[in-house]
Structures are given as structure tokens and as C-alpha cells.
Amino acid sequence: MPRLAANLTMLFTEFPFLDRFERAARAGFKGVEFLFPYAYEPRDIRARLEQFDLQLVLHNLPAGDWDAGERGIACHPDRAGEFREGVERAIDYAGALGVKQLNCLVGKTPTDVPAAQVHETLVDNLHRASQRLKEAGIKLLIEPINRYDIPGFHLHRTDQALALIDEVGGGNLFLQYDIYHAQRTEGELAATLQKHLHRIAHVQVADNPGRNEPGTGEINFPFLFGHLDRLGYAGWIGCEYKPAVATEIGLDWIQRIAK
């Protein structure tokens, strides 16, 4: 069975955030992930991780005003200072929580800035962040997100992300491969995983259509999980889906599909 991490931003949402750690552990998860820890004190999150013997696999860098619709600021030239401050804050939390990889949501493409300036800003921000995280012993990840769910998201294809990683350089920038987003944008899931596995630091799953649990849509997850095993993928698989009903009702997919 693959190493599955419960995404606490999307799973167990019937419970207050700090109570979701216990629910994840009760359901058999050994790892968890979530979007952001910054609304909570690190000691409070760490206490839950230790109490329920859970590993925090991943969280994101600060991504601007989420409630106002922002989905990252790394490609915004007028937010470079804020981005750098966010990197430092993320490192502080990661150090306190034992996190070894952080994801950067690059944001929606600014519409009032020349494309060359947007690109230059993104490359510079990612280079600085990846090297700062390297000093702290943390990997930096970037994630392509489909433009059906988030219109205007700047990074939306695997090949675009890999070209960006090459341009940034420095050896500490990796791909977060979300199977749901990749299916919506480009398909070719098995071939992409096989070709680029050495550059993929984290995998996330949800089925399509609907972004519900694996087994509810068109994606052949038994094959893909077996494919990842055959390729030797040793990382975590984050369960970043919207339960079709309630989280615990739908967890039978793990035994049916991921065993």
C-alpha cells in the first residue's frame, strides 16, 4: 500500500482543524498535509502531531490573501518583499514542525504587468527561495494547477513547470505532481510519472470529474498506484480530494484501490 497522507484542508472538515489530526490517525493515516499552518501556533500543531504519532509531510508557503481569491504571489513583481518574508515564516514553521518540503503556489498571472517582468520575477523569487530552503535542509516544490478550477493560474502544465525548474537551477526545486490537475490539463499520467519521477518530490490524488475520492471517476488508480510502486516511488501520496459525502464514509476506497 502506498504511503498516504490525509490532506486536512479537505478531509475531516466536519471537525475543527486541530481535531482533524486525531480523526486522521484513527482512520489509519500516518502522515498529514494541509495548505497553511499560519493561523495556529506551531506548538499547538506539533502537540497534535506528537500525540497521534503523525508526520507532517507538506504545507505551502504563504500565498497572499486566500479569502480574497489570491492563490500565491511568487509571480507578482510588486509583492517580492512580501514573498521573501513569507519564505522566512514558512521556514520557521517547517523547522518547528519537522517538515522537509514546502510547496509554492506561484499565483495567478498579473494582467497589468509585461509577461517578461512576470517571468523574471518568478524565476528570481524561486531561485532565492530554493536556495534559502536548501540552507535549512528543506525542498521547495512547485505545482501546476489546472485553469478550469483556478482561472488564470500562472503555472498550469508539467512541461512548463519542468522548464521553470531548469531555468531556476540550484538543485533544490522539484515538482509536486497532482494527478487530478494533470488529468484535467494534459493527461498522459503514467508516461509523465515514468519520464519525470526523479524530479517529482510529492504526488497528490483526487479523481476526475468532481475532485472526489479515488474510484469515483475516470482515473485508473489501481494501475497508477501499482505503476508508482514499480517505478520505485518512495515519497508520500497526499489525499487532496473533496469527499463525495463525508470523509470517513468514503475511506473504503483505500482498501479497495490502494491496497
Protein backbone atom coordinates (compact mmCIF):
# COMPACT_ATOMS: atom_id res chain seq x y z
CA MET A 1 0.00 0.00 0.00
CA PRO A 2 1.36 3.48 -0.83
CA ARG A 3 2.17 5.92 1.95
CA LEU A 4 -0.98 8.03 2.06
CA ALA A 5 -1.15 11.42 3.76
CA ALA A 6 -4.50 12.95 4.67
CA ASN A 7 -4.95 16.50 3.45
CA LEU A 8 -6.54 18.14 6.47
CA THR A 9 -7.65 21.18 4.49
CA MET A 10 -10.08 18.99 2.53
CA LEU A 11 -10.61 15.88 4.67
CA PHE A 12 -12.29 15.64 8.07
CA THR A 13 -13.65 19.15 7.62
CA GLU A 14 -16.64 18.13 9.75
CA PHE A 15 -14.32 18.80 12.70
CA PRO A 16 -12.33 21.86 13.88
CA PHE A 17 -8.86 21.92 12.33
CA LEU A 18 -6.90 20.85 15.40
CA ASP A 19 -9.29 17.94 15.94
CA ARG A 20 -8.68 16.58 12.45
CA PHE A 21 -5.30 15.13 13.44
CA GLU A 22 -6.95 12.64 15.76
CA ARG A 23 -9.52 11.69 13.12
CA ALA A 24 -6.76 11.09 10.57
CA ALA A 25 -4.84 8.88 12.98
CA ARG A 26 -7.99 6.92 13.85
CA ALA A 27 -8.56 6.32 10.14
CA GLY A 28 -5.09 4.78 9.84
CA PHE A 29 -3.14 7.64 8.26
CA LYS A 30 0.49 8.02 9.31
CA GLY A 31 1.05 11.32 7.52
CA VAL A 32 -0.88 14.55 7.06
CA GLU A 33 -0.60 17.67 4.93
CA PHE A 34 -2.55 20.91 4.64
CA LEU A 35 -2.46 24.24 2.87
CA PHE A 36 -1.27 26.58 5.61
CA PRO A 37 -0.32 26.36 9.32
CA TYR A 38 -0.03 30.10 9.90
CA ALA A 39 -3.33 30.67 11.73
CA TYR A 40 -2.08 28.44 14.56
CA GLU A 41 0.85 28.43 16.92
CA PRO A 42 3.50 25.86 15.90
CA ARG A 43 3.43 24.35 19.40
CA ASP A 44 -0.29 23.57 19.07
CA ILE A 45 0.16 21.75 15.77
CA ARG A 46 3.27 19.96 16.98
CA ALA A 47 1.40 18.75 20.07
CA ARG A 48 -1.21 17.08 17.84
CA LEU A 49 1.44 15.51 15.62
CA GLU A 50 3.25 14.06 18.62
CA GLN A 51 0.10 12.97 20.43
CA PHE A 52 -1.18 10.99 17.45
CA ASP A 53 2.21 9.88 16.06
CA LEU A 54 1.74 11.66 12.73
CA GLN A 55 4.27 13.08 10.30
CA LEU A 56 3.58 16.43 8.70
CA VAL A 57 4.53 15.75 5.10
CA LEU A 58 4.00 19.14 3.48
CA HIS A 59 2.49 22.59 3.73
CA ASN A 60 2.60 25.66 1.49
CA LEU A 61 4.43 28.93 1.60
CA PRO A 62 2.17 31.88 2.47
CA ALA A 63 0.07 32.63 -0.63
CA GLY A 64 -1.32 36.13 -0.15
CA ASP A 65 -4.91 36.86 0.78
CA TRP A 66 -6.54 33.47 0.25
CA ASP A 67 -10.01 34.57 1.32
CA ALA A 68 -9.88 37.37 -1.25
CA GLY A 69 -9.10 34.89 -4.03
CA GLU A 70 -5.32 35.15 -4.20
CA ARG A 71 -3.58 31.86 -4.92
CA GLY A 72 0.07 32.80 -4.47
CA ILE A 73 2.26 35.86 -5.06
CA ALA A 74 5.53 34.45 -6.41
CA CYS A 75 4.87 35.81 -9.93
CA HIS A 76 3.79 39.28 -8.78
CA PRO A 77 6.57 41.87 -9.17
CA ASP A 78 5.05 44.25 -6.61
CA ARG A 79 4.93 41.53 -3.92
CA ALA A 80 8.58 40.36 -3.94
CA GLY A 81 9.30 41.68 -0.44
CA GLU A 82 6.19 40.03 0.93
CA PHE A 83 7.16 36.79 -0.78
CA ARG A 84 10.62 36.79 0.84
CA GLU A 85 9.09 37.46 4.26
CA GLY A 86 6.74 34.53 3.66
CA VAL A 87 9.65 32.24 2.88
CA GLU A 88 11.22 33.03 6.23
CA ARG A 89 7.94 32.49 8.05
CA ALA A 90 7.46 29.14 6.31
CA ILE A 91 10.98 28.05 7.27
CA ASP A 92 10.26 28.89 10.91
CA TYR A 93 7.11 26.76 10.88
CA ALA A 94 8.75 23.93 8.97
CA GLY A 95 11.59 23.81 11.46
CA ALA A 96 9.19 23.69 14.39
CA LEU A 97 7.01 21.02 12.77
CA GLY A 98 9.66 18.79 11.20
CA VAL A 99 8.58 19.47 7.62
CA LYS A 100 11.12 18.62 4.93
CA GLN A 101 9.35 20.01 1.86
CA LEU A 102 7.33 23.15 1.20
CA ASN A 103 5.13 23.88 -1.80
CA CYS A 104 4.99 27.24 -3.54
CA LEU A 105 1.72 28.21 -5.21
CA VAL A 106 3.02 30.70 -7.76
CA GLY A 107 -0.24 32.61 -8.18
CA LYS A 108 -2.44 33.94 -10.94
CA THR A 109 -0.76 35.79 -13.79
CA PRO A 110 -0.93 39.56 -13.22
CA THR A 111 -2.84 41.15 -16.10
CA ASP A 112 -1.29 44.61 -15.84
CA VAL A 113 2.40 43.61 -15.96
CA PRO A 114 4.55 42.72 -19.00
CA ALA A 115 4.96 38.98 -19.40
CA ALA A 116 8.75 39.23 -19.34
CA GLN A 117 8.66 41.00 -15.98
CA VAL A 118 6.28 38.41 -14.54
CA HIS A 119 8.60 35.61 -15.64
CA GLU A 120 11.73 37.34 -14.38
CA THR A 121 10.11 37.92 -11.00
CA LEU A 122 9.03 34.29 -10.71
CA VAL A 123 12.46 32.92 -11.62
CA ASP A 124 14.21 35.25 -9.19
CA ASN A 125 11.79 34.52 -6.34
CA LEU A 126 12.03 30.76 -6.83
CA HIS A 127 15.82 30.84 -7.05
CA ARG A 128 16.13 32.85 -3.84
CA ALA A 129 13.56 30.71 -2.05
CA SER A 130 15.01 27.39 -3.16
CA GLN A 131 18.48 28.36 -2.01
CA ARG A 132 17.23 29.73 1.30
CA LEU A 133 15.31 26.49 1.88
CA LYS A 134 18.36 24.46 0.85
CA GLU A 135 20.29 26.12 3.67
CA ALA A 136 17.53 24.98 6.03
CA GLY A 137 17.51 21.39 4.70
CA ILE A 138 14.09 21.75 3.06
CA LYS A 139 13.00 21.02 -0.52
CA LEU A 140 11.00 23.61 -2.46
CA LEU A 141 8.20 22.34 -4.71
CA ILE A 142 6.08 23.99 -7.38
CA GLU A 143 2.69 22.70 -8.53
CA PRO A 144 0.91 23.12 -11.87
CA ILE A 145 -2.82 23.72 -11.32
CA ASN A 146 -5.49 23.44 -13.98
CA ARG A 147 -7.15 26.63 -15.20
CA TYR A 148 -10.65 25.23 -15.05
CA ASP A 149 -10.55 25.22 -11.26
CA ILE A 150 -8.38 28.33 -10.89
CA PRO A 151 -8.70 30.54 -13.99
CA GLY A 152 -5.56 32.47 -14.73
CA PHE A 153 -3.22 30.36 -12.59
CA HIS A 154 0.22 31.03 -13.99
CA LEU A 155 1.71 27.54 -13.77
CA HIS A 156 -0.63 25.04 -15.35
CA ARG A 157 1.34 22.38 -17.25
CA THR A 158 4.01 19.86 -16.30
CA ASP A 159 6.35 20.83 -19.14
CA GLN A 160 6.04 24.48 -18.14
CA ALA A 161 6.98 23.64 -14.54
CA LEU A 162 9.95 21.50 -15.59
CA ALA A 163 11.28 24.24 -17.87
CA LEU A 164 10.97 26.67 -14.97
CA ILE A 165 12.87 24.29 -12.68
CA ASP A 166 15.65 24.08 -15.25
CA GLU A 167 15.84 27.86 -15.57
CA VAL A 168 15.86 28.45 -11.81
CA GLY A 169 18.65 25.93 -11.30
CA GLY A 170 20.35 25.39 -7.98
CA GLY A 171 19.29 21.77 -7.45
CA ASN A 172 16.60 22.38 -4.82
CA LEU A 173 13.41 22.93 -6.81
CA PHE A 174 11.12 19.97 -7.52
CA LEU A 175 7.74 19.14 -9.00
CA GLN A 176 4.62 18.46 -6.98
CA TYR A 177 2.58 16.28 -9.31
CA ASP A 178 -1.14 16.44 -8.67
CA ILE A 179 -2.80 13.68 -10.66
CA TYR A 180 -6.18 15.44 -10.69
CA HIS A 181 -4.81 18.70 -12.07
CA ALA A 182 -2.65 16.85 -14.59
CA GLN A 183 -5.58 14.80 -15.83
CA ARG A 184 -7.71 17.90 -16.37
CA THR A 185 -4.97 19.74 -18.25
CA GLU A 186 -2.92 17.20 -20.16
CA GLY A 187 -3.50 13.52 -19.32
CA GLU A 188 -0.58 11.15 -20.04
CA LEU A 189 -0.33 10.38 -16.35
CA ALA A 190 1.61 7.11 -16.43
CA ALA A 191 4.07 8.28 -19.08
CA THR A 192 4.71 11.56 -17.27
CA LEU A 193 5.31 9.82 -13.96
CA GLN A 194 7.73 7.40 -15.58
CA LYS A 195 9.66 10.04 -17.51
CA HIS A 196 9.98 12.59 -14.72
CA LEU A 197 9.83 10.59 -11.49
CA HIS A 198 13.33 11.72 -10.47
CA ARG A 199 12.08 15.32 -10.45
CA ILE A 200 8.83 14.62 -8.59
CA ALA A 201 9.06 15.09 -4.82
CA HIS A 202 5.40 14.70 -3.95
CA VAL A 203 2.24 13.25 -5.53
CA GLN A 204 -1.35 14.23 -4.79
CA VAL A 205 -4.57 12.49 -5.82
CA ALA A 206 -8.24 13.13 -6.49
CA ASP A 207 -10.47 11.64 -9.15
CA ASN A 208 -11.97 13.39 -12.17
CA PRO A 209 -14.63 14.62 -12.69
CA GLY A 210 -15.65 16.12 -9.36
CA ARG A 211 -12.33 16.02 -7.47
CA ASN A 212 -13.78 13.34 -5.21
CA GLU A 213 -12.06 10.29 -3.73
CA PRO A 214 -10.24 7.81 -5.98
CA GLY A 215 -12.63 5.33 -7.54
CA THR A 216 -15.43 7.80 -8.19
CA GLY A 217 -14.34 8.88 -11.66
CA GLU A 218 -12.34 8.08 -14.77
CA ILE A 219 -8.79 7.73 -13.44
CA ASN A 220 -7.42 4.17 -13.09
CA PHE A 221 -5.91 4.49 -9.63
CA PRO A 222 -5.19 0.78 -9.03
CA PHE A 223 -2.97 0.90 -12.11
CA LEU A 224 -1.34 4.22 -11.17
CA PHE A 225 -0.55 3.16 -7.61
CA GLY A 226 0.95 -0.06 -8.90
CA HIS A 227 2.83 1.93 -11.54
CA LEU A 228 4.35 4.18 -8.87
CA ASP A 229 5.41 1.09 -6.90
CA ARG A 230 7.04 -0.43 -9.97
CA LEU A 231 8.86 2.82 -10.67
CA GLY A 232 10.21 2.84 -7.12
CA TYR A 233 8.47 5.99 -5.91
CA ALA A 234 9.30 6.27 -2.20
CA GLY A 235 7.52 9.52 -1.34
CA TRP A 236 4.11 10.26 0.10
CA ILE A 237 0.82 10.48 -1.77
CA GLY A 238 -1.35 13.29 -0.50
CA CYS A 239 -5.10 12.66 -0.50
CA GLU A 240 -6.26 16.10 -1.65
CA TYR A 241 -9.83 15.36 -2.64
CA LYS A 242 -13.32 16.52 -1.70
CA PRO A 243 -15.22 13.63 -0.08
CA ALA A 244 -18.36 12.83 -2.03
CA VAL A 245 -20.29 12.52 1.23
CA ALA A 246 -18.31 12.65 4.49
CA THR A 247 -14.64 11.78 4.88
CA GLU A 248 -14.93 8.65 6.97
CA ILE A 249 -17.82 7.24 4.94
CA GLY A 250 -15.69 7.32 1.80
CA LEU A 251 -12.44 5.92 3.17
CA ASP A 252 -13.22 2.40 1.98
CA TRP A 253 -11.53 3.36 -1.29
CA ILE A 254 -8.17 2.82 0.43
CA GLN A 255 -8.78 -0.90 0.89
CA ARG A 256 -10.44 -1.30 -2.50
CA ILE A 257 -7.94 0.67 -4.58
CA ALA A 258 -4.70 1.35 -2.74
CA LYS A 259 -4.08 -2.00 -1.06
